[in-house]
Amino acid sequence: MRKIITMVGASIFENYFEKNDDETIKKYYDVLKEKREKDWDNENERRKSVEKAIRKWIQSESNKKNISAEIKSLLKLQEELKEDFDIYLLCSDTILSRLAGEIIKDILSQLINNQRIETKVIGGLQIWDRKEFNTGMSNLIREIYDIAGGYWDNVIINITGGYKATIPYLTILAQINRCPIYYIFEETDALIKIPIIPIDIKWSIFEDNEKFFFELEKHQIKEIDEKLKIDPDITSLLEFVDNLYTLNPLGVALWERYKSNFEFFYISEEVRNYLERNPERKKIFEKSVCELKRRLKENPHHPDLNHSLKNVNLPEGFKTFKHKEEDLQVRILYNDEQYNTVYGSVETLVYIGVIAIGSEVHNAESEYVEAFERQGEKIKNLETYEFYKIKKEV
């Protein structure tokens, strides 16, 4: 099923005022233009008056495809693609964009049958504060990555509506993930597809500075350290405010694209030594820890994520993962923590302390249990862990 991501603007209101001379509603509208989404409940009277007027006008219109740029473009896309699709209406952090999204969703549900239609307000996406716009743009980019779920062949970005300031970022986002962008001129029926161009990103910047980007995502904002030497190529991906820096929207788009190919972990010195001694078990190890992370995300209460070890004192926060990989029993002593990124997503960070595979698990004396307890003191300090990445299987 195709997913069409559509930005929501104010064209539905502009089209209304072209055909309706209503001074009271226009005054209400002008007040609401300056209001953020957080004022939704505080502006009940004005908001509901505007909504009532818009919905009454819509009922009187015989040709509903021209009610807004978003509706017109989506109906044109359906005609062009000749297939079913899910629709995601992404609204700015304003009362009017949210209201437009809700009205458009209702109209589309009447015009397009059996489609999934969702609306979502993107926090911080407004044009009055440049710094907050960057945060909102980062939130928008992360939301689109969440919708895509790694399958960009199914994604179309419709930039007909919404702020024009988002277009450059969304164009870059689409280009690096190779998904089509569409735009329709509201005055005509011409649907324009922006072609994918053969661009090449210098991905080595991220490969050479993985830990820097990963730590910046985790901590969101960092203080400039005079001792820190930042690669000049990285500075274009950062936003600096006073003595602080964070990823800018372009940096978020590119970092998300890069890291979508990998899973990131931290491993103890004991695990690194184990892999050096047993290189033939690296594949089993990597498959197992990726499965651990997947389960933590999808089913965090599964009993295998906290396998009980009797009469064993483990370091605080550590648990044992019970798993079987390629007919071999696997036990992993790990710690995990969640953190909120600057663009609103919740990520899981996994620390791998000790691992046992195959005969190391099922032996006469269950030595791995004793080993887990014995090595507990060595692995409990998470600050000593090393950064470790695993390439995702295609």
Protein backbone atom coordinates (compact mmCIF):
# COMPACT_ATOMS: atom_id res chain seq x y z
CA MET A 1 0.00 0.00 0.00
CA ARG A 2 1.41 3.40 -1.02
CA LYS A 3 1.76 6.08 1.65
CA ILE A 4 1.15 9.66 0.58
CA ILE A 5 2.49 12.28 2.98
CA THR A 6 0.75 15.62 2.48
CA MET A 7 1.58 18.91 4.13
CA VAL A 8 -1.47 20.91 5.22
CA GLY A 9 -1.67 24.66 4.66
CA ALA A 10 -4.36 27.33 4.73
CA SER A 11 -5.65 27.17 1.15
CA ILE A 12 -9.07 25.93 2.29
CA PHE A 13 -9.59 29.20 4.19
CA GLU A 14 -8.23 31.35 1.36
CA ASN A 15 -10.58 29.66 -1.10
CA TYR A 16 -13.49 30.29 1.24
CA PHE A 17 -12.80 34.03 1.46
CA GLU A 18 -12.49 34.29 -2.32
CA LYS A 19 -16.15 33.28 -2.56
CA ASN A 20 -17.54 34.59 0.73
CA ASP A 21 -17.48 38.16 2.01
CA ASP A 22 -17.92 37.56 5.73
CA GLU A 23 -16.30 40.25 7.85
CA THR A 24 -16.92 38.53 11.20
CA ILE A 25 -15.41 35.23 10.11
CA LYS A 26 -12.52 37.13 8.50
CA LYS A 27 -11.80 38.89 11.81
CA TYR A 28 -11.87 35.57 13.65
CA TYR A 29 -9.62 34.07 11.01
CA ASP A 30 -7.09 36.91 11.29
CA VAL A 31 -6.88 36.39 15.06
CA LEU A 32 -6.48 32.61 14.68
CA LYS A 33 -3.67 33.09 12.13
CA GLU A 34 -1.43 34.16 15.00
CA LYS A 35 -2.37 31.28 17.32
CA ARG A 36 -0.45 28.11 18.04
CA GLU A 37 -2.07 24.70 18.34
CA LYS A 38 -1.70 24.81 22.13
CA ASP A 39 -4.39 27.56 22.13
CA TRP A 40 -6.93 25.19 20.52
CA ASP A 41 -9.22 25.01 23.58
CA ASN A 42 -8.74 28.67 24.50
CA GLU A 43 -10.04 29.76 21.08
CA ASN A 44 -13.16 27.60 21.06
CA GLU A 45 -15.60 30.34 20.09
CA ARG A 46 -13.63 31.78 17.17
CA ARG A 47 -12.43 28.37 16.00
CA LYS A 48 -15.89 26.80 15.98
CA SER A 49 -17.39 29.82 14.21
CA VAL A 50 -14.79 29.58 11.45
CA GLU A 51 -15.25 25.81 11.22
CA LYS A 52 -19.04 26.12 10.98
CA ALA A 53 -18.76 28.67 8.18
CA ILE A 54 -16.25 26.56 6.25
CA ARG A 55 -18.30 23.36 6.55
CA LYS A 56 -21.48 25.16 5.48
CA TRP A 57 -19.68 26.50 2.41
CA ILE A 58 -18.34 23.03 1.58
CA GLN A 59 -21.85 21.55 1.62
CA SER A 60 -22.94 24.11 -0.98
CA GLU A 61 -20.04 23.35 -3.32
CA SER A 62 -20.82 20.80 -6.02
CA ASN A 63 -17.19 20.35 -7.09
CA LYS A 64 -15.40 19.56 -3.84
CA LYS A 65 -12.04 18.78 -5.42
CA ASN A 66 -11.28 22.51 -5.67
CA ILE A 67 -12.00 23.25 -2.01
CA SER A 68 -8.32 23.04 -1.11
CA ALA A 69 -4.96 22.46 -2.72
CA GLU A 70 -4.46 19.34 -0.61
CA ILE A 71 -7.72 17.72 -1.77
CA LYS A 72 -7.14 18.65 -5.39
CA SER A 73 -3.64 17.22 -5.43
CA LEU A 74 -4.61 13.99 -3.65
CA LEU A 75 -7.50 13.31 -6.03
CA LYS A 76 -5.17 14.01 -8.94
CA LEU A 77 -2.60 11.61 -7.50
CA GLN A 78 -5.25 8.91 -7.16
CA GLU A 79 -6.20 9.45 -10.79
CA GLU A 80 -2.54 9.34 -11.83
CA LEU A 81 -1.46 6.33 -9.77
CA LYS A 82 -4.65 4.29 -10.22
CA GLU A 83 -4.16 2.49 -6.91
CA ASP A 84 -5.17 2.64 -3.26
CA PHE A 85 -3.02 4.52 -0.78
CA ASP A 86 -2.81 5.64 2.84
CA ILE A 87 -2.94 9.38 3.43
CA TYR A 88 -0.97 11.19 6.15
CA LEU A 89 -1.98 14.83 6.64
CA LEU A 90 0.84 16.58 8.50
CA CYS A 91 -0.19 19.90 10.03
CA SER A 92 1.88 22.77 11.32
CA ASP A 93 1.83 23.74 14.98
CA THR A 94 -1.07 26.18 14.51
CA ILE A 95 -4.80 26.19 15.17
CA LEU A 96 -5.66 26.82 11.52
CA SER A 97 -3.51 24.02 10.12
CA ARG A 98 -4.95 21.51 12.58
CA LEU A 99 -8.49 22.71 11.78
CA ALA A 100 -7.81 22.49 8.05
CA GLY A 101 -6.41 18.96 8.50
CA GLU A 102 -9.51 17.78 10.35
CA ILE A 103 -11.89 19.26 7.76
CA ILE A 104 -9.87 17.88 4.85
CA LYS A 105 -9.81 14.44 6.45
CA ASP A 106 -13.62 14.45 6.66
CA ILE A 107 -13.99 15.51 3.03
CA LEU A 108 -11.48 12.92 1.78
CA SER A 109 -13.26 10.15 3.67
CA GLN A 110 -16.34 10.98 1.55
CA LEU A 111 -14.49 11.32 -1.75
CA ILE A 112 -12.05 8.40 -1.44
CA ASN A 113 -13.37 5.07 -0.21
CA ASN A 114 -11.58 2.54 1.98
CA GLN A 115 -8.52 4.68 2.59
CA ARG A 116 -6.60 5.14 5.83
CA ILE A 117 -6.43 8.86 6.57
CA GLU A 118 -4.46 10.22 9.52
CA THR A 119 -3.77 13.74 10.71
CA LYS A 120 -0.93 14.80 12.95
CA VAL A 121 0.26 18.16 14.28
CA ILE A 122 4.04 18.57 14.09
CA GLY A 123 5.24 20.29 17.25
CA GLY A 124 7.32 23.42 16.70
CA LEU A 125 6.54 23.68 12.97
CA GLN A 126 5.67 27.37 12.64
CA ILE A 127 7.25 30.38 10.94
CA TRP A 128 7.40 33.02 13.68
CA ASP A 129 10.49 31.75 15.50
CA ARG A 130 13.45 30.62 13.37
CA LYS A 131 15.06 28.54 16.10
CA GLU A 132 11.82 26.75 16.89
CA PHE A 133 11.15 26.28 13.17
CA ASN A 134 14.35 24.24 12.98
CA THR A 135 13.10 22.08 15.85
CA GLY A 136 9.74 21.71 14.11
CA MET A 137 11.44 20.84 10.85
CA SER A 138 13.47 18.16 12.63
CA ASN A 139 10.25 16.81 14.16
CA LEU A 140 8.67 16.72 10.69
CA ILE A 141 11.60 14.85 9.19
CA ARG A 142 11.57 12.27 12.00
CA GLU A 143 7.79 11.82 11.62
CA ILE A 144 8.24 11.12 7.91
CA TYR A 145 10.96 8.56 8.70
CA ASP A 146 8.56 6.89 11.16
CA ILE A 147 5.81 6.75 8.53
CA ALA A 148 8.18 5.34 5.91
CA GLY A 149 9.37 2.64 8.30
CA GLY A 150 12.41 2.06 6.11
CA TYR A 151 10.36 1.26 2.98
CA TRP A 152 10.76 4.36 0.83
CA ASP A 153 9.59 2.66 -2.37
CA ASN A 154 6.05 2.96 -0.98
CA VAL A 155 6.31 6.65 -0.02
CA ILE A 156 5.21 9.73 -1.95
CA ILE A 157 5.64 13.26 -0.58
CA ASN A 158 3.05 15.81 -1.66
CA ILE A 159 4.36 19.36 -1.13
CA THR A 160 1.38 21.19 -2.64
CA GLY A 161 0.20 22.50 0.74
CA GLY A 162 1.97 23.74 3.86
CA TYR A 163 4.78 26.21 4.40
CA LYS A 164 6.98 26.91 1.40
CA ALA A 165 9.94 26.99 3.81
CA THR A 166 9.64 23.20 4.22
CA ILE A 167 10.04 22.48 0.49
CA PRO A 168 13.88 22.58 0.29
CA TYR A 169 14.24 20.20 3.24
CA LEU A 170 11.55 17.81 2.01
CA THR A 171 13.10 17.82 -1.46
CA ILE A 172 16.48 16.83 -0.03
CA LEU A 173 14.80 14.21 2.19
CA ALA A 174 13.08 12.70 -0.85
CA GLN A 175 16.23 12.77 -2.96
CA ILE A 176 18.46 10.98 -0.46
CA ASN A 177 15.79 8.32 0.09
CA ARG A 178 14.85 8.19 -3.59
CA CYS A 179 11.12 8.68 -3.23
CA PRO A 180 9.00 10.86 -5.54
CA ILE A 181 7.74 14.35 -4.73
CA TYR A 182 4.60 15.76 -6.33
CA TYR A 183 3.29 19.30 -6.61
CA ILE A 184 0.15 20.71 -8.22
CA PHE A 185 -0.46 24.27 -9.33
CA GLU A 186 -3.76 25.19 -7.71
CA GLU A 187 -4.73 27.37 -10.67
CA THR A 188 -4.41 24.40 -13.05
CA ASP A 189 -4.70 20.63 -13.03
CA ALA A 190 -1.02 20.14 -13.85
CA LEU A 191 0.51 17.57 -11.51
CA ILE A 192 4.27 17.91 -11.46
CA LYS A 193 6.61 15.12 -10.39
CA ILE A 194 10.04 16.26 -9.25
CA PRO A 195 12.52 13.76 -10.70
CA ILE A 196 15.11 11.92 -8.65
CA ILE A 197 18.52 13.21 -9.60
CA PRO A 198 21.80 11.24 -9.39
CA ILE A 199 23.27 12.93 -6.33
CA ASP A 200 25.99 11.44 -4.16
CA ILE A 201 26.30 12.27 -0.46
CA LYS A 202 29.65 12.15 1.28
CA TRP A 203 28.53 9.42 3.69
CA SER A 204 32.07 8.98 4.97
CA ILE A 205 31.42 12.08 7.13
CA PHE A 206 28.96 10.02 9.16
CA GLU A 207 31.04 6.86 9.06
CA ASP A 208 34.09 8.67 10.39
CA ASN A 209 32.10 10.50 13.07
CA GLU A 210 29.45 7.96 14.08
CA LYS A 211 29.97 8.29 17.80
CA PHE A 212 29.82 12.10 17.56
CA PHE A 213 26.44 12.03 15.80
CA PHE A 214 25.09 9.23 18.00
CA GLU A 215 26.04 11.07 21.19
CA LEU A 216 24.60 14.32 19.84
CA GLU A 217 21.30 12.60 19.07
CA LYS A 218 21.24 11.11 22.56
CA HIS A 219 22.03 14.34 24.41
CA GLN A 220 20.14 16.58 21.93
CA ILE A 221 22.15 19.70 22.73
CA LYS A 222 25.82 19.93 23.65
CA GLU A 223 28.04 22.66 24.96
CA ILE A 224 30.94 23.70 22.79
CA ASP A 225 34.19 22.38 24.19
CA GLU A 226 37.29 24.35 23.14
CA LYS A 227 39.21 21.07 23.01
CA LEU A 228 36.68 19.53 20.60
CA LYS A 229 37.71 19.76 16.97
CA ILE A 230 34.67 19.44 14.72
CA ASP A 231 35.24 18.35 11.12
CA PRO A 232 34.51 21.42 8.91
CA ASP A 233 32.21 19.24 6.79
CA ILE A 234 30.05 18.61 9.86
CA THR A 235 29.42 22.26 10.72
CA SER A 236 26.91 22.63 7.86
CA LEU A 237 24.80 19.97 9.63
CA LEU A 238 24.79 21.76 12.98
CA GLU A 239 22.98 24.72 14.44
CA PHE A 240 24.97 26.91 16.84
CA VAL A 241 23.34 29.11 19.47
CA ASP A 242 25.69 30.92 21.84
CA ASN A 243 27.95 28.18 23.22
CA LEU A 244 25.59 25.31 22.35
CA TYR A 245 25.08 23.22 19.24
CA THR A 246 22.63 20.63 17.95
CA LEU A 247 21.74 18.93 14.65
CA ASN A 248 19.93 21.19 12.22
CA PRO A 249 17.08 19.81 10.04
CA LEU A 250 19.46 18.91 7.21
CA GLY A 251 21.69 17.10 9.69
CA VAL A 252 18.69 15.19 11.03
CA ALA A 253 17.60 14.15 7.52
CA LEU A 254 21.04 12.87 6.55
CA TRP A 255 21.84 11.25 9.91
CA GLU A 256 18.49 9.41 9.92
CA ARG A 257 19.20 8.19 6.39
CA TYR A 258 22.67 6.98 7.36
CA LYS A 259 21.71 5.27 10.59
CA SER A 260 18.74 3.50 8.96
CA ASN A 261 21.33 1.05 7.58
CA PHE A 262 22.67 0.08 11.01
CA GLU A 263 21.88 -0.90 14.58
CA PHE A 264 23.99 0.78 17.25
CA PHE A 265 25.07 -0.67 20.60
CA TYR A 266 27.65 -0.26 23.31
CA ILE A 267 29.76 -3.27 24.32
CA SER A 268 31.95 -3.93 27.34
CA GLU A 269 35.64 -4.76 27.17
CA GLU A 270 34.66 -8.34 28.10
CA VAL A 271 32.46 -8.63 25.02
CA ARG A 272 35.12 -7.14 22.77
CA ASN A 273 37.67 -9.63 24.10
CA TYR A 274 35.18 -12.49 23.67
CA LEU A 275 34.64 -11.60 19.99
CA GLU A 276 38.40 -11.37 19.42
CA ARG A 277 38.85 -14.83 20.94
CA ASN A 278 35.85 -16.28 19.08
CA PRO A 279 35.59 -14.54 15.69
CA GLU A 280 33.54 -17.46 14.32
CA ARG A 281 30.75 -16.49 16.73
CA LYS A 282 30.54 -12.85 15.69
CA LYS A 283 27.61 -13.56 13.35
CA ILE A 284 25.65 -15.33 16.12
CA PHE A 285 26.42 -12.47 18.48
CA GLU A 286 25.26 -9.76 16.05
CA LYS A 287 22.04 -11.57 15.11
CA SER A 288 21.28 -12.12 18.78
CA VAL A 289 21.77 -8.55 19.93
CA CYS A 290 19.73 -7.25 16.98
CA GLU A 291 16.94 -9.61 18.01
CA LEU A 292 17.28 -8.36 21.58
CA LYS A 293 16.84 -4.77 20.42
CA ARG A 294 13.89 -5.67 18.20
CA ARG A 295 12.08 -7.35 21.08
CA LEU A 296 12.77 -4.47 23.43
CA LYS A 297 11.03 -2.22 20.94
CA GLU A 298 8.14 -4.47 19.94
CA ASN A 299 7.45 -6.56 23.04
CA PRO A 300 9.34 -5.12 26.03
CA HIS A 301 7.52 -7.31 28.57
CA HIS A 302 8.45 -10.65 26.99
CA PRO A 303 9.81 -12.98 29.72
CA ASP A 304 12.86 -13.93 27.64
CA LEU A 305 14.08 -10.34 28.00
CA ASN A 306 14.43 -10.85 31.74
CA HIS A 307 15.36 -14.52 32.10
CA SER A 308 15.52 -15.48 35.76
CA LEU A 309 18.86 -16.62 37.17
CA LYS A 310 18.43 -18.16 40.62
CA ASN A 311 20.62 -17.05 43.51
CA VAL A 312 22.62 -14.67 41.34
CA ASN A 313 23.40 -11.05 42.18
CA LEU A 314 23.61 -9.01 38.98
CA PRO A 315 24.66 -5.34 38.75
CA GLU A 316 21.80 -2.91 39.16
CA GLY A 317 19.80 -2.43 35.95
CA PHE A 318 21.21 -5.53 34.23
CA LYS A 319 19.03 -8.35 32.89
CA THR A 320 19.59 -11.64 31.08
CA PHE A 321 18.24 -12.22 27.58
CA LYS A 322 17.44 -15.84 26.77
CA HIS A 323 17.63 -16.62 23.06
CA LYS A 324 18.29 -19.32 20.48
CA GLU A 325 20.13 -18.52 17.26
CA GLU A 326 21.00 -21.07 14.55
CA ASP A 327 20.21 -23.95 16.99
CA LEU A 328 22.59 -22.52 19.57
CA GLN A 329 21.48 -21.31 22.98
CA VAL A 330 22.47 -17.71 23.68
CA ARG A 331 22.48 -15.76 26.94
CA ILE A 332 23.22 -12.04 27.04
CA LEU A 333 23.71 -9.92 30.13
CA TYR A 334 22.63 -6.42 29.14
CA ASN A 335 21.41 -3.04 30.30
CA ASP A 336 19.04 -0.78 28.38
CA GLU A 337 17.82 2.77 28.69
CA GLN A 338 15.43 4.94 26.75
CA TYR A 339 16.03 8.53 25.75
CA ASN A 340 14.06 11.22 23.94
CA THR A 341 15.67 12.73 20.88
CA VAL A 342 15.45 16.43 20.06
CA TYR A 343 12.81 15.62 17.42
CA GLY A 344 10.50 13.80 19.78
CA SER A 345 11.16 10.12 19.14
CA VAL A 346 11.96 7.63 21.89
CA GLU A 347 15.07 5.54 21.21
CA THR A 348 16.49 2.56 23.09
CA LEU A 349 20.16 2.34 23.94
CA VAL A 350 21.46 -1.18 24.65
CA TYR A 351 24.67 -2.00 26.58
CA ILE A 352 25.97 -5.55 26.09
CA GLY A 353 27.93 -6.63 29.17
CA VAL A 354 28.58 -10.39 28.86
CA ILE A 355 27.59 -13.09 26.37
CA ALA A 356 27.52 -16.90 26.39
CA ILE A 357 26.85 -19.05 23.32
CA GLY A 358 26.31 -22.76 22.70
CA SER A 359 28.18 -25.07 25.06
CA GLU A 360 28.99 -22.09 27.28
CA VAL A 361 25.29 -22.01 28.21
CA HIS A 362 24.48 -25.68 28.76
CA ASN A 363 27.33 -27.28 30.60
CA ALA A 364 27.33 -29.48 33.66
CA GLU A 365 27.82 -26.72 36.20
CA SER A 366 26.01 -23.86 34.38
CA GLU A 367 29.26 -21.96 34.43
CA TYR A 368 27.84 -19.04 32.45
CA VAL A 369 25.63 -18.11 35.42
CA GLU A 370 28.66 -17.92 37.66
CA ALA A 371 30.55 -16.03 34.97
CA PHE A 372 27.77 -13.45 34.69
CA GLU A 373 27.89 -12.88 38.43
CA ARG A 374 31.69 -12.91 38.56
CA GLN A 375 32.05 -10.32 35.80
CA GLY A 376 29.32 -8.09 37.17
CA GLU A 377 31.74 -5.77 38.92
CA LYS A 378 33.76 -5.29 35.72
CA ILE A 379 30.82 -4.42 33.49
CA LYS A 380 28.62 -2.27 35.71
CA ASN A 381 30.26 1.04 34.72
CA LEU A 382 28.51 1.89 31.43
CA GLU A 383 30.86 4.83 30.83
CA THR A 384 33.62 2.37 29.91
CA TYR A 385 31.64 0.70 27.10
CA GLU A 386 32.71 0.99 23.45
CA PHE A 387 30.58 2.09 20.52
CA TYR A 388 29.58 -0.84 18.27
CA LYS A 389 27.58 -0.87 15.03
CA ILE A 390 25.97 -3.70 13.07
CA LYS A 391 24.87 -3.40 9.45
CA LYS A 392 21.23 -4.35 9.00
CA GLU A 393 20.47 -7.30 6.77
CA VAL A 394 18.66 -6.33 3.59
